[in-house]
C-alpha atoms as a PDB file:
ATOM      1  CA  MET A   1      -8.458  47.511   0.376  1.00  0.00           C
ATOM      2  CA  LYS A   2      -5.875  47.717  -3.031  1.00  0.00           C
ATOM      3  CA  GLU A   3      -3.465  49.586  -1.228  1.00  0.00           C
ATOM      4  CA  ARG A   4      -3.420  45.960   1.158  1.00  0.00           C
ATOM      5  CA  ILE A   5      -2.867  44.030  -1.560  1.00  0.00           C
ATOM      6  CA  GLU A   6      -0.540  45.343  -2.904  1.00  0.00           C
ATOM      7  CA  ALA A   7       1.882  45.489   0.378  1.00  0.00           C
ATOM      8  CA  LEU A   8       0.980  42.000   1.163  1.00  0.00           C
ATOM      9  CA  TRP A   9       2.460  41.411  -2.494  1.00  0.00           C
ATOM     10  CA  ARG A  10       5.681  43.645  -1.975  1.00  0.00           C
ATOM     11  CA  GLY A  11       6.154  41.568   1.248  1.00  0.00           C
ATOM     12  CA  ASN A  12       5.834  45.167   2.642  1.00  0.00           C
ATOM     13  CA  ILE A  13       3.494  44.049   5.565  1.00  0.00           C
ATOM     14  CA  PRO A  14       6.050  42.158   9.373  1.00  0.00           C
ATOM     15  CA  LEU A  15       6.398  38.877   8.858  1.00  0.00           C
ATOM     16  CA  ASP A  16       4.257  37.187  12.364  1.00  0.00           C
ATOM     17  CA  ILE A  17       1.533  39.539  10.527  1.00  0.00           C
ATOM     18  CA  VAL A  18       1.408  38.011   7.378  1.00  0.00           C
ATOM     19  CA  PHE A  19       2.141  34.636   8.817  1.00  0.00           C
ATOM     20  CA  TRP A  20      -0.457  34.208  11.864  1.00  0.00           C
ATOM     21  CA  ARG A  21      -3.087  36.414  10.404  1.00  0.00           C
ATOM     22  CA  PHE A  22      -2.902  35.742   6.835  1.00  0.00           C
ATOM     23  CA  ALA A  23      -1.835  32.638   6.356  1.00  0.00           C
ATOM     24  CA  VAL A  24      -3.131  30.855   9.580  1.00  0.00           C
ATOM     25  CA  ILE A  25      -5.844  32.561  10.392  1.00  0.00           C
ATOM     26  CA  TYR A  26      -7.464  33.731   7.416  1.00  0.00           C
ATOM     27  CA  GLY A  27      -5.919  31.448   5.643  1.00  0.00           C
ATOM     28  CA  LEU A  28      -7.931  28.615   7.351  1.00  0.00           C
ATOM     29  CA  VAL A  29     -10.531  30.884   7.492  1.00  0.00           C
ATOM     30  CA  LEU A  30     -11.173  30.538   3.612  1.00  0.00           C
ATOM     31  CA  ASN A  31      -9.883  27.021   2.736  1.00  0.00           C
ATOM     32  CA  ALA A  32     -12.758  26.114   5.196  1.00  0.00           C
ATOM     33  CA  ALA A  33     -15.001  27.898   4.052  1.00  0.00           C
ATOM     34  CA  THR A  34     -14.788  27.176   0.371  1.00  0.00           C
ATOM     35  CA  SER A  35     -14.673  23.116   1.577  1.00  0.00           C
ATOM     36  CA  LEU A  36     -17.614  23.285   3.269  1.00  0.00           C
ATOM     37  CA  LEU A  37     -18.720  25.021  -0.236  1.00  0.00           C
ATOM     38  CA  PHE A  38     -17.606  22.519  -2.636  1.00  0.00           C
ATOM     39  CA  MET A  39     -18.559  19.348   0.148  1.00  0.00           C
ATOM     40  CA  THR A  40     -22.591  21.167  -0.228  1.00  0.00           C
ATOM     41  CA  LEU A  41     -22.034  21.350  -3.877  1.00  0.00           C
ATOM     42  CA  LEU A  42     -20.684  17.657  -4.310  1.00  0.00           C
ATOM     43  CA  VAL A  43     -23.710  16.190  -1.777  1.00  0.00           C
ATOM     44  CA  ASN A  44     -25.864  17.934  -3.892  1.00  0.00           C
ATOM     45  CA  ASP A  45     -25.442  16.610  -7.293  1.00  0.00           C
ATOM     46  CA  ALA A  46     -23.890  19.847  -8.745  1.00  0.00           C
ATOM     47  CA  GLY A  47     -22.214  19.635 -12.638  1.00  0.00           C
ATOM     48  CA  LEU A  48     -18.812  20.396 -12.769  1.00  0.00           C
ATOM     49  CA  HIS A  49     -19.971  24.179 -13.729  1.00  0.00           C
ATOM     50  CA  TRP A  50     -20.128  24.254  -9.867  1.00  0.00           C
ATOM     51  CA  LEU A  51     -18.002  22.206  -8.246  1.00  0.00           C
ATOM     52  CA  ILE A  52     -14.486  23.265 -10.257  1.00  0.00           C
ATOM     53  CA  PRO A  53     -14.768  26.854  -9.772  1.00  0.00           C
ATOM     54  CA  ALA A  54     -15.837  25.781  -6.099  1.00  0.00           C
ATOM     55  CA  PHE A  55     -12.156  24.078  -6.241  1.00  0.00           C
ATOM     56  CA  LEU A  56     -10.484  26.418  -7.847  1.00  0.00           C
ATOM     57  CA  LEU A  57     -11.500  29.307  -5.818  1.00  0.00           C
ATOM     58  CA  PRO A  58      -9.216  29.691  -2.865  1.00  0.00           C
ATOM     59  CA  ILE A  59      -6.340  29.642  -4.922  1.00  0.00           C
ATOM     60  CA  PRO A  60      -5.589  32.744  -5.850  1.00  0.00           C
ATOM     61  CA  TYR A  61      -5.732  34.058  -2.423  1.00  0.00           C
ATOM     62  CA  ASN A  62      -3.489  30.928  -1.725  1.00  0.00           C
ATOM     63  CA  LEU A  63      -0.909  32.014  -4.063  1.00  0.00           C
ATOM     64  CA  LEU A  64      -1.172  35.715  -3.166  1.00  0.00           C
ATOM     65  CA  ILE A  65      -0.255  34.798   0.503  1.00  0.00           C
ATOM     66  CA  ILE A  66       2.695  32.354  -0.218  1.00  0.00           C
ATOM     67  CA  VAL A  67       4.399  34.827  -2.862  1.00  0.00           C
ATOM     68  CA  ALA A  68       3.768  37.629   0.391  1.00  0.00           C
ATOM     69  CA  VAL A  69       5.384  35.217   3.197  1.00  0.00           C
ATOM     70  CA  TRP A  70       8.134  34.819   0.521  1.00  0.00           C
ATOM     71  CA  ARG A  71       8.727  38.260   0.636  1.00  0.00           C
ATOM     72  CA  SER A  72       8.028  39.371   3.798  1.00  0.00           C
ATOM     73  CA  ALA A  73      10.535  36.880   4.687  1.00  0.00           C
ATOM     74  CA  GLY A  74      12.784  38.243   3.158  1.00  0.00           C
ATOM     75  CA  ARG A  75      12.734  41.594   5.212  1.00  0.00           C
ATOM     76  CA  TYR A  76      12.875  39.699   7.807  1.00  0.00           C
ATOM     77  CA  ASP A  77      15.462  40.354   9.980  1.00  0.00           C
ATOM     78  CA  GLY A  78      15.222  37.727  12.787  1.00  0.00           C
ATOM     79  CA  PRO A  79      17.093  34.340  13.269  1.00  0.00           C
ATOM     80  CA  ARG A  80      17.248  33.237   9.415  1.00  0.00           C
ATOM     81  CA  GLN A  81      15.367  30.060  11.739  1.00  0.00           C
ATOM     82  CA  TRP A  82      12.134  31.993  11.393  1.00  0.00           C
ATOM     83  CA  VAL A  83      12.738  32.634   7.080  1.00  0.00           C
ATOM     84  CA  ASP A  84      12.672  29.361   6.357  1.00  0.00           C
ATOM     85  CA  TRP A  85      10.156  28.013   9.045  1.00  0.00           C
ATOM     86  CA  SER A  86       7.586  30.556   7.490  1.00  0.00           C
ATOM     87  CA  ARG A  87       8.482  29.535   3.959  1.00  0.00           C
ATOM     88  CA  PHE A  88       8.520  26.397   4.464  1.00  0.00           C
ATOM     89  CA  ALA A  89       5.042  26.078   6.610  1.00  0.00           C
ATOM     90  CA  THR A  90       3.289  28.721   4.427  1.00  0.00           C
ATOM     91  CA  VAL A  91       4.024  26.702   1.308  1.00  0.00           C
ATOM     92  CA  LEU A  92       2.978  23.516   2.966  1.00  0.00           C
ATOM     93  CA  LEU A  93      -0.504  24.957   4.651  1.00  0.00           C
ATOM     94  CA  MET A  94      -1.188  26.577   1.618  1.00  0.00           C
ATOM     95  CA  VAL A  95      -0.559  23.394  -0.876  1.00  0.00           C
ATOM     96  CA  VAL A  96      -2.627  21.134   1.700  1.00  0.00           C
ATOM     97  CA  LEU A  97      -5.603  23.136   1.765  1.00  0.00           C
ATOM     98  CA  THR A  98      -6.138  23.686  -1.375  1.00  0.00           C
ATOM     99  CA  ALA A  99      -5.840  19.610  -2.203  1.00  0.00           C
ATOM    100  CA  SER A 100      -7.930  19.420   0.527  1.00  0.00           C
END
């Protein structure tokens, strides 16, 4: 697990895997689960001491994936448009998912 996180952080995983698997699939699942947790706590009148951590829970993952995609894109040998598109889409996706 630690090796995988280090590989992500350093950009040593191919761009297509980091973007589609880690940003899109895992990112959507994690953020949907934490949003569901947050909404459940909100509906059940949980205090701020529960709501704030539930809201902040996916942020470390989202930041890791932004860095991972950014660095993997820097090593990508394919067309430049995919580098720019993947970086833009990942930042946008993680910001939207974090805010929702």
